[in-house]
Amino acid sequence: MKCLLDTSALIWAMIEPDRLSKAARNIIEDDSSVMHVSAVSLFEMSIKISIGKLSLTGISIEDLPGLLYKRGVEIIVLDPFEAVSLRALPVKENHHDPFDRMLVCQAIKRNLTLISPDDKLPQYREYGLSLIW
């Protein structure tokens, strides 16, 4: 399975794996799964660290890309077609978070299953989102 970890799932997989759902943990630990992390998540984490809303215990944000590569995680960048596809993704139930919405667009465009605990994301399944938690 080809998956995209959302920001929360990424943080929990790295620091607090017990917070992952059983299904998410099984997929992440499955050697046949191909894990992806978006540069969008790294951007979100960097912003939250810089304004004091996030602390990564035992991991430096600067070291995170290298750690992900060492674990075989593919880091994907945001391409311009994915960026502009956000305009066409409806805002549902006051879900305005631009980082989450961009991850949804990337997952849809790249045919990746998004691993996310966000209970507002299932409403995007009708637009092609494959989602697991």
N, C-alpha and C. Protein backbone atom coordinates (compact mmCIF):
# COMPACT_ATOMS: atom_id res chain seq x y z
N MET A 1 0.84 -1.18 0.00
CA MET A 1 0.00 0.00 0.00
C MET A 1 0.89 1.24 0.00
N LYS A 2 0.51 2.24 -0.77
CA LYS A 2 1.23 3.51 -0.83
C LYS A 2 0.45 4.52 0.01
N CYS A 3 1.10 5.05 1.04
CA CYS A 3 0.41 5.92 2.00
C CYS A 3 1.12 7.25 2.19
N LEU A 4 0.34 8.22 2.58
CA LEU A 4 0.84 9.55 2.95
C LEU A 4 0.48 9.77 4.41
N LEU A 5 1.48 9.99 5.24
CA LEU A 5 1.23 10.29 6.65
C LEU A 5 0.86 11.75 6.80
N ASP A 6 -0.23 12.03 7.50
CA ASP A 6 -0.49 13.44 7.79
C ASP A 6 0.43 13.86 8.92
N THR A 7 0.42 15.12 9.26
CA THR A 7 1.38 15.66 10.22
C THR A 7 1.26 14.99 11.58
N SER A 8 0.06 14.82 12.07
CA SER A 8 -0.13 14.17 13.38
C SER A 8 0.37 12.74 13.35
N ALA A 9 0.00 12.00 12.32
CA ALA A 9 0.43 10.61 12.22
C ALA A 9 1.95 10.52 12.13
N LEU A 10 2.57 11.45 11.42
CA LEU A 10 4.03 11.47 11.33
C LEU A 10 4.65 11.68 12.71
N ILE A 11 4.16 12.67 13.44
CA ILE A 11 4.71 12.98 14.76
C ILE A 11 4.53 11.78 15.68
N TRP A 12 3.34 11.21 15.69
CA TRP A 12 3.09 10.08 16.58
C TRP A 12 3.92 8.87 16.17
N ALA A 13 4.09 8.62 14.88
CA ALA A 13 4.89 7.49 14.44
C ALA A 13 6.34 7.64 14.90
N MET A 14 6.84 8.87 14.93
CA MET A 14 8.23 9.12 15.31
C MET A 14 8.44 9.16 16.82
N ILE A 15 7.45 9.73 17.55
CA ILE A 15 7.66 10.03 18.96
C ILE A 15 6.74 9.25 19.90
N GLU A 16 5.47 9.09 19.53
CA GLU A 16 4.49 8.45 20.39
C GLU A 16 3.68 7.40 19.63
N PRO A 17 4.31 6.30 19.20
CA PRO A 17 3.60 5.33 18.36
C PRO A 17 2.36 4.73 19.02
N ASP A 18 2.27 4.76 20.33
CA ASP A 18 1.08 4.23 21.02
C ASP A 18 -0.17 5.06 20.73
N ARG A 19 0.00 6.28 20.24
CA ARG A 19 -1.16 7.12 19.91
C ARG A 19 -1.75 6.78 18.55
N LEU A 20 -1.03 6.01 17.74
CA LEU A 20 -1.54 5.60 16.44
C LEU A 20 -2.66 4.58 16.62
N SER A 21 -3.61 4.58 15.72
CA SER A 21 -4.62 3.53 15.74
C SER A 21 -3.94 2.21 15.39
N LYS A 22 -4.60 1.11 15.73
CA LYS A 22 -4.04 -0.20 15.41
C LYS A 22 -3.87 -0.36 13.89
N ALA A 23 -4.89 0.08 13.14
CA ALA A 23 -4.82 -0.02 11.67
C ALA A 23 -3.66 0.80 11.12
N ALA A 24 -3.50 2.02 11.62
CA ALA A 24 -2.40 2.88 11.15
C ALA A 24 -1.05 2.25 11.49
N ARG A 25 -0.91 1.78 12.70
CA ARG A 25 0.36 1.18 13.13
C ARG A 25 0.68 -0.05 12.28
N ASN A 26 -0.31 -0.89 12.02
CA ASN A 26 -0.08 -2.09 11.21
C ASN A 26 0.41 -1.73 9.81
N ILE A 27 -0.20 -0.72 9.20
CA ILE A 27 0.21 -0.32 7.85
C ILE A 27 1.60 0.29 7.87
N ILE A 28 1.87 1.15 8.83
CA ILE A 28 3.18 1.80 8.92
C ILE A 28 4.28 0.77 9.14
N GLU A 29 4.01 -0.25 9.96
CA GLU A 29 5.02 -1.26 10.27
C GLU A 29 5.14 -2.35 9.20
N ASP A 30 4.20 -2.41 8.28
CA ASP A 30 4.22 -3.41 7.22
C ASP A 30 5.32 -3.08 6.22
N ASP A 31 6.26 -4.00 6.05
CA ASP A 31 7.39 -3.76 5.14
C ASP A 31 6.97 -3.57 3.69
N SER A 32 5.79 -4.06 3.34
CA SER A 32 5.34 -3.90 1.95
C SER A 32 4.69 -2.53 1.70
N SER A 33 4.42 -1.78 2.76
CA SER A 33 3.85 -0.44 2.62
C SER A 33 4.93 0.55 2.23
N VAL A 34 4.57 1.48 1.36
CA VAL A 34 5.48 2.55 0.97
C VAL A 34 4.96 3.83 1.63
N MET A 35 5.74 4.35 2.56
CA MET A 35 5.33 5.53 3.31
C MET A 35 5.86 6.80 2.64
N HIS A 36 4.99 7.80 2.58
CA HIS A 36 5.34 9.11 2.06
C HIS A 36 5.05 10.16 3.12
N VAL A 37 5.86 11.18 3.14
CA VAL A 37 5.64 12.37 3.97
C VAL A 37 5.77 13.56 3.04
N SER A 38 4.87 14.50 3.18
CA SER A 38 4.90 15.69 2.35
C SER A 38 5.76 16.79 2.98
N ALA A 39 6.44 17.52 2.12
CA ALA A 39 7.16 18.71 2.59
C ALA A 39 6.19 19.69 3.23
N VAL A 40 4.91 19.60 2.88
CA VAL A 40 3.87 20.43 3.51
C VAL A 40 3.85 20.18 5.01
N SER A 41 3.95 18.91 5.42
CA SER A 41 3.96 18.58 6.86
C SER A 41 5.21 19.14 7.55
N LEU A 42 6.34 19.06 6.87
CA LEU A 42 7.57 19.61 7.45
C LEU A 42 7.46 21.13 7.60
N PHE A 43 6.83 21.77 6.62
CA PHE A 43 6.58 23.21 6.68
C PHE A 43 5.67 23.55 7.87
N GLU A 44 4.57 22.78 8.01
CA GLU A 44 3.64 23.00 9.12
C GLU A 44 4.34 22.82 10.47
N MET A 45 5.11 21.76 10.59
CA MET A 45 5.81 21.50 11.85
C MET A 45 6.81 22.62 12.15
N SER A 46 7.53 23.06 11.15
CA SER A 46 8.51 24.14 11.35
C SER A 46 7.83 25.42 11.84
N ILE A 47 6.71 25.76 11.25
CA ILE A 47 5.96 26.94 11.69
C ILE A 47 5.52 26.78 13.14
N LYS A 48 4.92 25.63 13.45
CA LYS A 48 4.41 25.42 14.81
C LYS A 48 5.53 25.40 15.85
N ILE A 49 6.68 24.86 15.51
CA ILE A 49 7.83 24.90 16.43
C ILE A 49 8.28 26.33 16.64
N SER A 50 8.36 27.10 15.56
CA SER A 50 8.86 28.48 15.67
C SER A 50 7.94 29.39 16.47
N ILE A 51 6.64 29.09 16.52
CA ILE A 51 5.72 29.92 17.31
C ILE A 51 5.36 29.29 18.65
N GLY A 52 6.03 28.20 18.99
CA GLY A 52 5.84 27.59 20.30
C GLY A 52 4.62 26.69 20.45
N LYS A 53 4.01 26.26 19.35
CA LYS A 53 2.84 25.39 19.42
C LYS A 53 3.19 23.91 19.31
N LEU A 54 4.45 23.60 19.06
CA LEU A 54 4.87 22.21 18.90
C LEU A 54 6.28 22.04 19.42
N SER A 55 6.49 20.93 20.10
CA SER A 55 7.82 20.56 20.55
C SER A 55 8.03 19.10 20.18
N LEU A 56 9.15 18.80 19.57
CA LEU A 56 9.47 17.42 19.20
C LEU A 56 10.49 16.87 20.19
N THR A 57 10.05 16.01 21.07
CA THR A 57 10.92 15.45 22.09
C THR A 57 11.91 14.48 21.46
N GLY A 58 13.18 14.80 21.60
CA GLY A 58 14.23 13.89 21.14
C GLY A 58 14.56 13.97 19.66
N ILE A 59 13.87 14.81 18.91
CA ILE A 59 14.14 14.94 17.48
C ILE A 59 14.23 16.42 17.12
N SER A 60 15.26 16.77 16.39
CA SER A 60 15.38 18.13 15.87
C SER A 60 14.69 18.19 14.51
N ILE A 61 13.91 19.23 14.28
CA ILE A 61 13.22 19.37 13.00
C ILE A 61 14.23 19.38 11.85
N GLU A 62 15.41 19.92 12.09
CA GLU A 62 16.44 19.96 11.05
C GLU A 62 16.94 18.56 10.69
N ASP A 63 16.86 17.64 11.65
CA ASP A 63 17.32 16.27 11.42
C ASP A 63 16.22 15.37 10.85
N LEU A 64 14.98 15.83 10.90
CA LEU A 64 13.85 14.98 10.53
C LEU A 64 13.92 14.47 9.09
N PRO A 65 14.21 15.31 8.08
CA PRO A 65 14.27 14.76 6.71
C PRO A 65 15.27 13.61 6.59
N GLY A 66 16.43 13.75 7.18
CA GLY A 66 17.43 12.68 7.13
C GLY A 66 16.97 11.42 7.83
N LEU A 67 16.31 11.58 8.97
CA LEU A 67 15.77 10.41 9.69
C LEU A 67 14.71 9.69 8.86
N LEU A 68 13.87 10.47 8.19
CA LEU A 68 12.84 9.87 7.35
C LEU A 68 13.46 9.09 6.19
N TYR A 69 14.44 9.70 5.53
CA TYR A 69 15.12 9.01 4.43
C TYR A 69 15.76 7.71 4.90
N LYS A 70 16.40 7.75 6.10
CA LYS A 70 17.04 6.55 6.64
C LYS A 70 16.03 5.45 6.91
N ARG A 71 14.80 5.82 7.24
CA ARG A 71 13.75 4.84 7.51
C ARG A 71 13.04 4.39 6.23
N GLY A 72 13.48 4.89 5.10
CA GLY A 72 12.89 4.48 3.83
C GLY A 72 11.63 5.24 3.46
N VAL A 73 11.35 6.32 4.16
CA VAL A 73 10.17 7.14 3.87
C VAL A 73 10.49 8.06 2.70
N GLU A 74 9.58 8.15 1.75
CA GLU A 74 9.76 9.04 0.61
C GLU A 74 9.17 10.41 0.95
N ILE A 75 9.96 11.45 0.79
CA ILE A 75 9.49 12.80 1.03
C ILE A 75 9.07 13.38 -0.31
N ILE A 76 7.83 13.84 -0.37
CA ILE A 76 7.32 14.40 -1.62
C ILE A 76 7.20 15.92 -1.49
N VAL A 77 7.45 16.59 -2.58
CA VAL A 77 7.31 18.04 -2.62
C VAL A 77 5.93 18.38 -3.18
N LEU A 78 5.53 19.58 -2.97
CA LEU A 78 4.26 20.08 -3.49
C LEU A 78 4.49 20.60 -4.90
N ASP A 79 3.86 19.97 -5.88
CA ASP A 79 4.05 20.48 -7.24
C ASP A 79 2.98 21.53 -7.55
N PRO A 80 3.20 22.36 -8.56
CA PRO A 80 2.28 23.46 -8.84
C PRO A 80 0.87 23.01 -9.18
N PHE A 81 0.70 21.86 -9.80
CA PHE A 81 -0.64 21.38 -10.15
C PHE A 81 -1.41 20.96 -8.90
N GLU A 82 -0.69 20.37 -7.93
CA GLU A 82 -1.33 20.04 -6.65
C GLU A 82 -1.69 21.33 -5.90
N ALA A 83 -0.80 22.29 -5.94
CA ALA A 83 -1.04 23.56 -5.24
C ALA A 83 -2.31 24.24 -5.74
N VAL A 84 -2.48 24.30 -7.05
CA VAL A 84 -3.66 24.99 -7.58
C VAL A 84 -4.92 24.14 -7.48
N SER A 85 -4.76 22.83 -7.29
CA SER A 85 -5.95 21.97 -7.15
C SER A 85 -6.69 22.25 -5.85
N LEU A 86 -6.05 22.91 -4.91
CA LEU A 86 -6.70 23.25 -3.65
C LEU A 86 -7.93 24.13 -3.88
N ARG A 87 -7.89 24.98 -4.89
CA ARG A 87 -9.02 25.85 -5.16
C ARG A 87 -10.28 25.07 -5.46
N ALA A 88 -10.14 23.92 -6.11
CA ALA A 88 -11.30 23.13 -6.50
C ALA A 88 -11.81 22.21 -5.39
N LEU A 89 -11.03 22.04 -4.32
CA LEU A 89 -11.47 21.17 -3.23
C LEU A 89 -12.43 21.94 -2.33
N PRO A 90 -13.68 21.51 -2.25
CA PRO A 90 -14.66 22.25 -1.45
C PRO A 90 -14.26 22.33 0.02
N VAL A 91 -14.59 23.45 0.63
CA VAL A 91 -14.42 23.60 2.07
C VAL A 91 -15.64 22.96 2.71
N LYS A 92 -15.41 21.95 3.51
CA LYS A 92 -16.51 21.19 4.10
C LYS A 92 -16.49 21.37 5.62
N GLU A 93 -17.67 21.50 6.20
CA GLU A 93 -17.85 21.57 7.65
C GLU A 93 -16.78 22.42 8.34
N ASN A 94 -16.57 23.59 7.84
CA ASN A 94 -15.60 24.52 8.43
C ASN A 94 -14.20 23.93 8.54
N HIS A 95 -13.83 23.11 7.60
CA HIS A 95 -12.49 22.54 7.59
C HIS A 95 -11.61 23.42 6.71
N HIS A 96 -11.04 24.43 7.33
CA HIS A 96 -10.27 25.44 6.60
C HIS A 96 -8.76 25.24 6.71
N ASP A 97 -8.30 24.26 7.47
CA ASP A 97 -6.87 24.10 7.69
C ASP A 97 -6.15 23.90 6.35
N PRO A 98 -5.33 24.87 5.95
CA PRO A 98 -4.70 24.77 4.62
C PRO A 98 -3.71 23.61 4.52
N PHE A 99 -3.06 23.25 5.62
CA PHE A 99 -2.11 22.15 5.58
C PHE A 99 -2.83 20.83 5.35
N ASP A 100 -3.89 20.58 6.11
CA ASP A 100 -4.67 19.35 5.93
C ASP A 100 -5.26 19.28 4.53
N ARG A 101 -5.80 20.39 4.06
CA ARG A 101 -6.42 20.41 2.75
C ARG A 101 -5.39 20.14 1.64
N MET A 102 -4.17 20.66 1.81
CA MET A 102 -3.14 20.40 0.81
C MET A 102 -2.73 18.93 0.84
N LEU A 103 -2.66 18.32 2.02
CA LEU A 103 -2.35 16.90 2.10
C LEU A 103 -3.44 16.07 1.43
N VAL A 104 -4.69 16.48 1.60
CA VAL A 104 -5.80 15.80 0.93
C VAL A 104 -5.60 15.88 -0.59
N CYS A 105 -5.29 17.07 -1.09
CA CYS A 105 -5.06 17.23 -2.54
C CYS A 105 -3.91 16.35 -3.01
N GLN A 106 -2.81 16.33 -2.27
CA GLN A 106 -1.68 15.50 -2.68
C GLN A 106 -2.05 14.02 -2.68
N ALA A 107 -2.76 13.57 -1.65
CA ALA A 107 -3.15 12.17 -1.58
C ALA A 107 -4.04 11.80 -2.76
N ILE A 108 -4.99 12.66 -3.08
CA ILE A 108 -5.90 12.38 -4.20
C ILE A 108 -5.13 12.36 -5.51
N LYS A 109 -4.34 13.40 -5.76
CA LYS A 109 -3.63 13.52 -7.04
C LYS A 109 -2.61 12.40 -7.24
N ARG A 110 -2.00 11.92 -6.16
CA ARG A 110 -0.95 10.90 -6.27
C ARG A 110 -1.45 9.49 -5.98
N ASN A 111 -2.76 9.34 -5.77
CA ASN A 111 -3.34 8.04 -5.45
C ASN A 111 -2.69 7.38 -4.24
N LEU A 112 -2.53 8.18 -3.19
CA LEU A 112 -1.97 7.70 -1.94
C LEU A 112 -3.10 7.60 -0.91
N THR A 113 -3.01 6.64 -0.03
CA THR A 113 -3.95 6.53 1.07
C THR A 113 -3.44 7.41 2.20
N LEU A 114 -4.26 8.36 2.62
CA LEU A 114 -3.87 9.27 3.69
C LEU A 114 -4.10 8.61 5.04
N ILE A 115 -3.09 8.61 5.87
CA ILE A 115 -3.21 8.10 7.24
C ILE A 115 -3.37 9.32 8.13
N SER A 116 -4.56 9.45 8.72
CA SER A 116 -4.87 10.65 9.51
C SER A 116 -5.94 10.36 10.55
N PRO A 117 -5.76 10.93 11.76
CA PRO A 117 -6.80 10.80 12.78
C PRO A 117 -7.88 11.88 12.68
N ASP A 118 -7.76 12.79 11.73
CA ASP A 118 -8.68 13.92 11.61
C ASP A 118 -10.07 13.43 11.25
N ASP A 119 -11.02 13.61 12.16
CA ASP A 119 -12.38 13.10 11.94
C ASP A 119 -13.19 13.93 10.94
N LYS A 120 -12.61 15.02 10.45
CA LYS A 120 -13.30 15.81 9.42
C LYS A 120 -12.92 15.38 8.00
N LEU A 121 -11.89 14.57 7.87
CA LEU A 121 -11.40 14.22 6.54
C LEU A 121 -12.25 13.18 5.79
N PRO A 122 -12.99 12.30 6.47
CA PRO A 122 -13.80 11.35 5.70
C PRO A 122 -14.76 12.01 4.71
N GLN A 123 -15.14 13.24 4.96
CA GLN A 123 -16.06 13.92 4.04
C GLN A 123 -15.43 14.18 2.67
N TYR A 124 -14.12 14.01 2.55
CA TYR A 124 -13.45 14.20 1.27
C TYR A 124 -13.33 12.90 0.47
N ARG A 125 -13.85 11.81 1.01
CA ARG A 125 -13.83 10.55 0.26
C ARG A 125 -14.60 10.67 -1.05
N GLU A 126 -15.67 11.45 -1.03
CA GLU A 126 -16.47 11.60 -2.25
C GLU A 126 -15.70 12.30 -3.37
N TYR A 127 -14.55 12.90 -3.05
CA TYR A 127 -13.72 13.56 -4.05
C TYR A 127 -12.51 12.71 -4.44
N GLY A 128 -12.49 11.47 -3.93
CA GLY A 128 -11.45 10.54 -4.30
C GLY A 128 -10.42 10.24 -3.23
N LEU A 129 -10.62 10.76 -2.02
CA LEU A 129 -9.66 10.52 -0.95
C LEU A 129 -9.79 9.11 -0.40
N SER A 130 -8.68 8.41 -0.35
CA SER A 130 -8.59 7.12 0.35
C SER A 130 -7.98 7.44 1.72
N LEU A 131 -8.64 6.99 2.77
CA LEU A 131 -8.28 7.42 4.13
C LEU A 131 -8.30 6.23 5.08
N ILE A 132 -7.32 6.20 5.97
CA ILE A 132 -7.27 5.17 7.00
C ILE A 132 -6.94 5.82 8.33
N TRP A 133 -7.59 5.34 9.35
CA TRP A 133 -7.19 5.62 10.72
C TRP A 133 -7.62 4.49 11.57
